[in-house]
Structures are given as structure tokens and as C-alpha cells.
Amino acid sequence: RVANAKNLGKRIVITSGVFDLLHEAHREYLQKAKLEGDYLVVLVESDARTKEMKGSDRPIWNQEKRKAAIQALGFVD
């Protein structure tokens, strides 16, 4: 999909994060990122990397749930 968007001359924005317990500040950040281009790709940190960064009691939501929450945002491509 990214290659197709690129071939169509779309400007692609890529961002990443943990997004554990997706909240309004995450949404605002991602909406601003979307304004920077035509196509927004969001990378979600793995559970293992999240534990390394945030401690053994994290993530609260596993990476599949965090990914699903990002995908549910209507403006993420």
C-alpha cells in the first residue's frame, strides 16, 4: 500500500510509539502527523521492546491490542 501511494505521488509520513493505553494526546499527535502528508504509517513497538523501555509491568495492552487501537483511528492509513 505504501509503494502504491508513493507511485501516486503521495507524501508518506511514518511515526512510531508504544501507544500503551491509547489516549487523547496520542490521537492529537497522530492527527498532527497526518497533516504533514497524504499517507500516515504508524509503527507500534513490540511487547519485548516496551518492557525494555518502560519496565517489566508493561505493556498494559499487548501489541495486538495496541495495533488494533491504532488501526481503529479513521485517519491512519
N, C-alpha and C. Protein backbone atom coordinates (compact mmCIF):
# COMPACT_ATOMS: atom_id res chain seq x y z
N ARG A 1 0.82 -1.20 0.00
CA ARG A 1 0.00 0.00 0.00
C ARG A 1 0.86 1.25 0.00
N VAL A 2 1.96 1.21 0.74
CA VAL A 2 2.85 2.37 0.78
C VAL A 2 3.47 2.60 -0.59
N ALA A 3 3.92 1.53 -1.22
CA ALA A 3 4.52 1.65 -2.55
C ALA A 3 3.52 2.23 -3.54
N ASN A 4 2.28 1.78 -3.47
CA ASN A 4 1.23 2.29 -4.36
C ASN A 4 1.01 3.79 -4.11
N ALA A 5 0.92 4.18 -2.84
CA ALA A 5 0.74 5.60 -2.51
C ALA A 5 1.91 6.42 -3.02
N LYS A 6 3.11 5.89 -2.86
CA LYS A 6 4.30 6.59 -3.33
C LYS A 6 4.27 6.75 -4.85
N ASN A 7 3.87 5.69 -5.55
CA ASN A 7 3.76 5.75 -7.01
C ASN A 7 2.73 6.77 -7.48
N LEU A 8 1.75 7.03 -6.63
CA LEU A 8 0.73 8.02 -6.95
C LEU A 8 1.17 9.44 -6.57
N GLY A 9 2.40 9.55 -6.10
CA GLY A 9 2.93 10.86 -5.75
C GLY A 9 2.49 11.36 -4.38
N LYS A 10 2.00 10.46 -3.55
CA LYS A 10 1.56 10.85 -2.21
C LYS A 10 2.76 11.05 -1.29
N ARG A 11 2.61 11.97 -0.37
CA ARG A 11 3.65 12.21 0.63
C ARG A 11 3.36 11.29 1.82
N ILE A 12 4.34 10.46 2.17
CA ILE A 12 4.17 9.45 3.20
C ILE A 12 4.83 9.91 4.49
N VAL A 13 4.08 9.82 5.59
CA VAL A 13 4.58 10.18 6.91
C VAL A 13 4.63 8.89 7.73
N ILE A 14 5.77 8.66 8.39
CA ILE A 14 5.93 7.48 9.24
C ILE A 14 6.26 7.94 10.64
N THR A 15 5.57 7.37 11.62
CA THR A 15 5.84 7.67 13.02
C THR A 15 5.73 6.38 13.81
N SER A 16 6.24 6.40 15.03
CA SER A 16 6.19 5.20 15.85
C SER A 16 5.99 5.55 17.32
N GLY A 17 5.62 4.54 18.09
CA GLY A 17 5.45 4.73 19.52
C GLY A 17 4.99 3.46 20.18
N VAL A 18 4.82 3.54 21.48
CA VAL A 18 4.32 2.41 22.25
C VAL A 18 2.79 2.40 22.21
N PHE A 19 2.17 3.53 22.47
CA PHE A 19 0.71 3.70 22.43
C PHE A 19 0.00 2.76 23.39
N ASP A 20 0.60 2.56 24.58
CA ASP A 20 0.00 1.71 25.60
C ASP A 20 -1.09 2.52 26.31
N LEU A 21 -2.30 2.00 26.28
CA LEU A 21 -3.48 2.74 26.74
C LEU A 21 -3.63 4.02 25.92
N LEU A 22 -3.95 3.85 24.66
CA LEU A 22 -4.11 4.96 23.72
C LEU A 22 -5.00 6.04 24.32
N HIS A 23 -4.51 7.27 24.33
CA HIS A 23 -5.25 8.37 24.94
C HIS A 23 -5.30 9.57 24.00
N GLU A 24 -5.97 10.62 24.44
CA GLU A 24 -6.23 11.79 23.59
C GLU A 24 -4.94 12.43 23.09
N ALA A 25 -3.91 12.51 23.91
CA ALA A 25 -2.65 13.11 23.45
C ALA A 25 -2.03 12.29 22.33
N HIS A 26 -2.17 10.97 22.38
CA HIS A 26 -1.70 10.13 21.27
C HIS A 26 -2.47 10.48 19.99
N ARG A 27 -3.80 10.58 20.12
CA ARG A 27 -4.63 10.90 18.95
C ARG A 27 -4.25 12.26 18.35
N GLU A 28 -4.06 13.23 19.21
CA GLU A 28 -3.68 14.56 18.73
C GLU A 28 -2.33 14.53 18.01
N TYR A 29 -1.37 13.82 18.59
CA TYR A 29 -0.05 13.67 17.98
C TYR A 29 -0.18 13.03 16.59
N LEU A 30 -0.95 11.97 16.51
CA LEU A 30 -1.09 11.27 15.23
C LEU A 30 -1.87 12.10 14.22
N GLN A 31 -2.86 12.85 14.67
CA GLN A 31 -3.60 13.73 13.75
C GLN A 31 -2.67 14.82 13.19
N LYS A 32 -1.80 15.36 14.02
CA LYS A 32 -0.84 16.36 13.54
C LYS A 32 0.14 15.74 12.55
N ALA A 33 0.55 14.50 12.82
CA ALA A 33 1.45 13.81 11.89
C ALA A 33 0.76 13.63 10.54
N LYS A 34 -0.51 13.29 10.56
CA LYS A 34 -1.27 13.09 9.32
C LYS A 34 -1.31 14.38 8.49
N LEU A 35 -1.37 15.52 9.15
CA LEU A 35 -1.41 16.80 8.44
C LEU A 35 -0.12 17.08 7.67
N GLU A 36 0.95 16.37 8.02
CA GLU A 36 2.25 16.59 7.36
C GLU A 36 2.35 15.88 6.01
N GLY A 37 1.39 15.04 5.68
CA GLY A 37 1.46 14.31 4.42
C GLY A 37 0.10 13.78 4.01
N ASP A 38 0.14 12.88 3.03
CA ASP A 38 -1.08 12.30 2.49
C ASP A 38 -1.39 10.92 3.05
N TYR A 39 -0.37 10.24 3.53
CA TYR A 39 -0.48 8.83 3.90
C TYR A 39 0.27 8.64 5.20
N LEU A 40 -0.41 8.19 6.26
CA LEU A 40 0.20 8.04 7.58
C LEU A 40 0.40 6.57 7.92
N VAL A 41 1.67 6.22 8.17
CA VAL A 41 2.04 4.88 8.62
C VAL A 41 2.46 5.00 10.08
N VAL A 42 1.89 4.15 10.94
CA VAL A 42 2.22 4.18 12.36
C VAL A 42 2.82 2.82 12.74
N LEU A 43 4.02 2.87 13.29
CA LEU A 43 4.70 1.67 13.77
C LEU A 43 4.45 1.55 15.28
N VAL A 44 4.11 0.34 15.73
CA VAL A 44 3.81 0.10 17.14
C VAL A 44 4.94 -0.76 17.72
N GLU A 45 5.53 -0.28 18.81
CA GLU A 45 6.62 -1.02 19.45
C GLU A 45 6.16 -2.40 19.90
N SER A 46 7.05 -3.36 19.84
CA SER A 46 6.74 -4.73 20.27
C SER A 46 6.60 -4.78 21.79
N ASP A 47 5.99 -5.85 22.26
CA ASP A 47 5.88 -6.05 23.70
C ASP A 47 7.26 -6.13 24.35
N ALA A 48 8.18 -6.85 23.72
CA ALA A 48 9.52 -7.01 24.28
C ALA A 48 10.24 -5.67 24.41
N ARG A 49 10.18 -4.87 23.37
CA ARG A 49 10.83 -3.55 23.41
C ARG A 49 10.16 -2.63 24.43
N THR A 50 8.85 -2.72 24.54
CA THR A 50 8.12 -1.92 25.52
C THR A 50 8.57 -2.26 26.94
N LYS A 51 8.74 -3.56 27.23
CA LYS A 51 9.23 -3.98 28.54
C LYS A 51 10.62 -3.41 28.80
N GLU A 52 11.49 -3.44 27.79
CA GLU A 52 12.84 -2.88 27.93
C GLU A 52 12.79 -1.39 28.26
N MET A 53 11.92 -0.66 27.59
CA MET A 53 11.85 0.79 27.76
C MET A 53 11.10 1.22 29.00
N LYS A 54 10.01 0.50 29.33
CA LYS A 54 9.09 1.00 30.35
C LYS A 54 9.02 0.16 31.62
N GLY A 55 9.67 -1.01 31.62
CA GLY A 55 9.68 -1.84 32.82
C GLY A 55 8.91 -3.14 32.66
N SER A 56 9.13 -4.04 33.60
CA SER A 56 8.59 -5.40 33.49
C SER A 56 7.06 -5.47 33.61
N ASP A 57 6.44 -4.44 34.16
CA ASP A 57 4.98 -4.46 34.29
C ASP A 57 4.27 -3.87 33.06
N ARG A 58 5.01 -3.59 32.03
CA ARG A 58 4.44 -3.02 30.81
C ARG A 58 4.69 -3.96 29.65
N PRO A 59 3.96 -3.94 28.60
CA PRO A 59 2.81 -3.07 28.38
C PRO A 59 1.57 -3.55 29.12
N ILE A 60 0.66 -2.64 29.30
CA ILE A 60 -0.64 -2.99 29.88
C ILE A 60 -1.49 -3.66 28.81
N TRP A 61 -1.50 -3.06 27.62
CA TRP A 61 -2.14 -3.67 26.45
C TRP A 61 -1.06 -4.36 25.64
N ASN A 62 -1.30 -5.59 25.19
CA ASN A 62 -0.29 -6.26 24.36
C ASN A 62 -0.25 -5.60 22.98
N GLN A 63 0.77 -5.96 22.21
CA GLN A 63 0.98 -5.24 20.94
C GLN A 63 -0.18 -5.43 19.96
N GLU A 64 -0.87 -6.55 20.01
CA GLU A 64 -2.02 -6.74 19.12
C GLU A 64 -3.15 -5.78 19.48
N LYS A 65 -3.40 -5.60 20.77
CA LYS A 65 -4.45 -4.67 21.20
C LYS A 65 -4.06 -3.24 20.87
N ARG A 66 -2.77 -2.90 21.06
CA ARG A 66 -2.31 -1.54 20.73
C ARG A 66 -2.40 -1.30 19.24
N LYS A 67 -2.02 -2.30 18.45
CA LYS A 67 -2.12 -2.19 16.99
C LYS A 67 -3.58 -1.99 16.56
N ALA A 68 -4.49 -2.76 17.15
CA ALA A 68 -5.92 -2.66 16.81
C ALA A 68 -6.45 -1.26 17.14
N ALA A 69 -6.01 -0.70 18.28
CA ALA A 69 -6.46 0.64 18.66
C ALA A 69 -5.99 1.69 17.65
N ILE A 70 -4.77 1.55 17.17
CA ILE A 70 -4.24 2.47 16.15
C ILE A 70 -5.01 2.29 14.85
N GLN A 71 -5.23 1.05 14.45
CA GLN A 71 -5.94 0.79 13.20
C GLN A 71 -7.37 1.31 13.24
N ALA A 72 -7.96 1.39 14.41
CA ALA A 72 -9.34 1.85 14.54
C ALA A 72 -9.46 3.36 14.33
N LEU A 73 -8.35 4.08 14.41
CA LEU A 73 -8.38 5.52 14.15
C LEU A 73 -8.61 5.72 12.66
N GLY A 74 -9.62 6.44 12.31
CA GLY A 74 -10.01 6.58 10.91
C GLY A 74 -9.01 7.28 10.01
N PHE A 75 -8.06 7.99 10.57
CA PHE A 75 -7.14 8.77 9.76
C PHE A 75 -5.79 8.10 9.56
N VAL A 76 -5.57 6.94 10.16
CA VAL A 76 -4.31 6.20 9.98
C VAL A 76 -4.46 5.28 8.79
N ASP A 77 -3.48 5.38 7.89
CA ASP A 77 -3.55 4.56 6.67
C ASP A 77 -2.90 3.21 6.88
